[in-house]
Amino acid sequence: MAWVERLAVRDLRNIHEATFDLHPAANVFHGRNAQGKTSLLEAVGLLARGRSFRTEHAPSMIRRG
């Protein structure tokens, strides 16, 4: 079984750029509303499945500005 050791996200929804070293046992992301927690989960879903659980419209996921 392969393990993702590092997650790097750039220009996905409200995330400009973020890199996380992940632990094989558990990882907890916490923060206020609209800070990007669900976007991180969406990034993992995109990596694992090649699609988003939030939308079928891929261009809407790209961060603008």
N, C-alpha and C. Protein backbone atom coordinates (compact mmCIF):
# COMPACT_ATOMS: atom_id res chain seq x y z
N MET A 1 0.84 -1.18 0.00
CA MET A 1 0.00 0.00 0.00
C MET A 1 0.89 1.25 0.00
N ALA A 2 0.59 2.16 -0.86
CA ALA A 2 1.35 3.41 -0.97
C ALA A 2 0.80 4.44 0.02
N TRP A 3 1.68 5.29 0.49
CA TRP A 3 1.29 6.33 1.43
C TRP A 3 1.69 7.70 0.88
N VAL A 4 0.80 8.65 0.98
CA VAL A 4 1.12 10.02 0.58
C VAL A 4 1.85 10.67 1.75
N GLU A 5 3.09 11.02 1.55
CA GLU A 5 3.89 11.61 2.62
C GLU A 5 3.80 13.13 2.66
N ARG A 6 3.58 13.73 1.50
CA ARG A 6 3.51 15.19 1.41
C ARG A 6 2.39 15.57 0.45
N LEU A 7 1.64 16.57 0.82
CA LEU A 7 0.57 17.10 -0.02
C LEU A 7 0.91 18.55 -0.34
N ALA A 8 1.02 18.86 -1.61
CA ALA A 8 1.27 20.23 -2.05
C ALA A 8 0.10 20.67 -2.92
N VAL A 9 -0.51 21.77 -2.55
CA VAL A 9 -1.69 22.28 -3.25
C VAL A 9 -1.39 23.70 -3.71
N ARG A 10 -1.75 24.00 -4.94
CA ARG A 10 -1.54 25.35 -5.46
C ARG A 10 -2.71 25.75 -6.35
N ASP A 11 -3.23 26.93 -6.08
CA ASP A 11 -4.31 27.54 -6.87
C ASP A 11 -5.55 26.66 -6.98
N LEU A 12 -5.93 26.06 -5.87
CA LEU A 12 -7.17 25.29 -5.79
C LEU A 12 -8.13 26.02 -4.88
N ARG A 13 -9.24 26.46 -5.43
CA ARG A 13 -10.25 27.23 -4.69
C ARG A 13 -9.62 28.42 -3.97
N ASN A 14 -9.66 28.46 -2.64
CA ASN A 14 -9.12 29.62 -1.92
C ASN A 14 -7.67 29.41 -1.46
N ILE A 15 -7.04 28.34 -1.89
CA ILE A 15 -5.67 28.05 -1.48
C ILE A 15 -4.70 28.55 -2.55
N HIS A 16 -3.89 29.54 -2.17
CA HIS A 16 -2.86 30.03 -3.10
C HIS A 16 -1.75 28.99 -3.21
N GLU A 17 -1.16 28.63 -2.08
CA GLU A 17 -0.12 27.61 -2.07
C GLU A 17 0.01 27.06 -0.65
N ALA A 18 0.03 25.73 -0.52
CA ALA A 18 0.18 25.10 0.78
C ALA A 18 0.86 23.75 0.61
N THR A 19 1.75 23.44 1.54
CA THR A 19 2.44 22.15 1.54
C THR A 19 2.37 21.57 2.95
N PHE A 20 2.03 20.29 3.02
CA PHE A 20 1.89 19.61 4.30
C PHE A 20 2.64 18.30 4.28
N ASP A 21 3.45 18.05 5.31
CA ASP A 21 4.04 16.74 5.52
C ASP A 21 3.02 15.94 6.33
N LEU A 22 2.63 14.79 5.81
CA LEU A 22 1.56 14.01 6.41
C LEU A 22 2.11 12.85 7.23
N HIS A 23 1.42 12.53 8.30
CA HIS A 23 1.78 11.41 9.16
C HIS A 23 0.99 10.18 8.72
N PRO A 24 1.60 9.00 8.72
CA PRO A 24 0.89 7.81 8.25
C PRO A 24 -0.26 7.37 9.16
N ALA A 25 -0.26 7.75 10.43
CA ALA A 25 -1.32 7.30 11.33
C ALA A 25 -2.57 8.17 11.24
N ALA A 26 -2.41 9.48 11.39
CA ALA A 26 -3.57 10.38 11.38
C ALA A 26 -3.10 11.81 11.14
N ASN A 27 -4.00 12.59 10.53
CA ASN A 27 -3.74 14.01 10.29
C ASN A 27 -5.03 14.75 10.58
N VAL A 28 -4.91 15.85 11.31
CA VAL A 28 -6.07 16.64 11.68
C VAL A 28 -5.86 18.06 11.16
N PHE A 29 -6.84 18.55 10.44
CA PHE A 29 -6.83 19.93 9.96
C PHE A 29 -7.96 20.67 10.66
N HIS A 30 -7.65 21.78 11.27
CA HIS A 30 -8.67 22.55 11.96
C HIS A 30 -8.47 24.03 11.63
N GLY A 31 -9.55 24.75 11.75
CA GLY A 31 -9.51 26.18 11.48
C GLY A 31 -10.91 26.73 11.38
N ARG A 32 -10.98 28.02 11.17
CA ARG A 32 -12.27 28.70 11.05
C ARG A 32 -12.92 28.36 9.72
N ASN A 33 -14.18 28.74 9.60
CA ASN A 33 -14.90 28.53 8.35
C ASN A 33 -14.22 29.28 7.21
N ALA A 34 -14.28 28.69 6.03
CA ALA A 34 -13.75 29.28 4.78
C ALA A 34 -12.24 29.47 4.81
N GLN A 35 -11.53 28.61 5.54
CA GLN A 35 -10.07 28.70 5.59
C GLN A 35 -9.39 27.67 4.70
N GLY A 36 -10.15 26.73 4.10
CA GLY A 36 -9.58 25.81 3.14
C GLY A 36 -9.53 24.35 3.55
N LYS A 37 -10.14 23.99 4.67
CA LYS A 37 -10.11 22.60 5.13
C LYS A 37 -10.77 21.66 4.12
N THR A 38 -11.93 22.00 3.66
CA THR A 38 -12.62 21.17 2.68
C THR A 38 -11.88 21.17 1.36
N SER A 39 -11.25 22.28 1.02
CA SER A 39 -10.46 22.34 -0.22
C SER A 39 -9.28 21.37 -0.16
N LEU A 40 -8.68 21.19 1.02
CA LEU A 40 -7.62 20.20 1.17
C LEU A 40 -8.16 18.79 0.93
N LEU A 41 -9.32 18.50 1.49
CA LEU A 41 -9.94 17.19 1.24
C LEU A 41 -10.27 17.01 -0.23
N GLU A 42 -10.71 18.07 -0.86
CA GLU A 42 -11.00 18.02 -2.29
C GLU A 42 -9.73 17.74 -3.08
N ALA A 43 -8.61 18.33 -2.68
CA ALA A 43 -7.33 18.08 -3.35
C ALA A 43 -6.95 16.61 -3.25
N VAL A 44 -7.15 16.01 -2.09
CA VAL A 44 -6.86 14.58 -1.92
C VAL A 44 -7.76 13.75 -2.82
N GLY A 45 -9.03 14.12 -2.89
CA GLY A 45 -9.96 13.42 -3.78
C GLY A 45 -9.57 13.53 -5.24
N LEU A 46 -9.11 14.71 -5.64
CA LEU A 46 -8.66 14.90 -7.02
C LEU A 46 -7.46 14.02 -7.32
N LEU A 47 -6.54 13.93 -6.36
CA LEU A 47 -5.37 13.09 -6.52
C LEU A 47 -5.75 11.61 -6.59
N ALA A 48 -6.62 11.18 -5.70
CA ALA A 48 -6.98 9.76 -5.60
C ALA A 48 -7.92 9.29 -6.70
N ARG A 49 -8.90 10.12 -7.04
CA ARG A 49 -9.96 9.68 -7.97
C ARG A 49 -9.95 10.39 -9.30
N GLY A 50 -9.22 11.51 -9.38
CA GLY A 50 -9.19 12.25 -10.63
C GLY A 50 -10.41 13.11 -10.85
N ARG A 51 -11.20 13.30 -9.79
CA ARG A 51 -12.37 14.17 -9.89
C ARG A 51 -12.73 14.70 -8.51
N SER A 52 -13.55 15.72 -8.49
CA SER A 52 -13.95 16.37 -7.25
C SER A 52 -15.25 15.78 -6.74
N PHE A 53 -15.40 15.75 -5.41
CA PHE A 53 -16.69 15.35 -4.83
C PHE A 53 -17.63 16.54 -4.73
N ARG A 54 -17.13 17.76 -5.05
CA ARG A 54 -17.95 18.96 -4.92
C ARG A 54 -18.53 19.45 -6.24
N THR A 55 -17.86 19.17 -7.35
CA THR A 55 -18.34 19.70 -8.64
C THR A 55 -17.84 18.84 -9.79
N GLU A 56 -18.55 18.89 -10.88
CA GLU A 56 -18.11 18.25 -12.12
C GLU A 56 -17.43 19.27 -13.03
N HIS A 57 -17.51 20.54 -12.67
CA HIS A 57 -17.01 21.64 -13.48
C HIS A 57 -15.60 22.01 -13.02
N ALA A 58 -14.60 21.39 -13.61
CA ALA A 58 -13.20 21.56 -13.19
C ALA A 58 -12.71 23.01 -13.20
N PRO A 59 -13.05 23.84 -14.18
CA PRO A 59 -12.55 25.22 -14.16
C PRO A 59 -12.97 26.02 -12.92
N SER A 60 -14.07 25.65 -12.28
CA SER A 60 -14.51 26.38 -11.09
C SER A 60 -13.61 26.13 -9.88
N MET A 61 -12.76 25.12 -9.95
CA MET A 61 -11.85 24.82 -8.85
C MET A 61 -10.56 25.64 -8.89
N ILE A 62 -10.25 26.21 -10.05
CA ILE A 62 -8.99 26.94 -10.22
C ILE A 62 -9.10 28.30 -9.54
N ARG A 63 -8.13 28.58 -8.69
CA ARG A 63 -8.09 29.87 -7.98
C ARG A 63 -7.78 30.99 -8.97
N ARG A 64 -8.51 32.05 -8.90
CA ARG A 64 -8.31 33.22 -9.76
C ARG A 64 -7.76 34.37 -8.94
N GLY A 65 -6.92 35.19 -9.57
CA GLY A 65 -6.42 36.39 -8.90
C GLY A 65 -5.24 36.06 -8.10
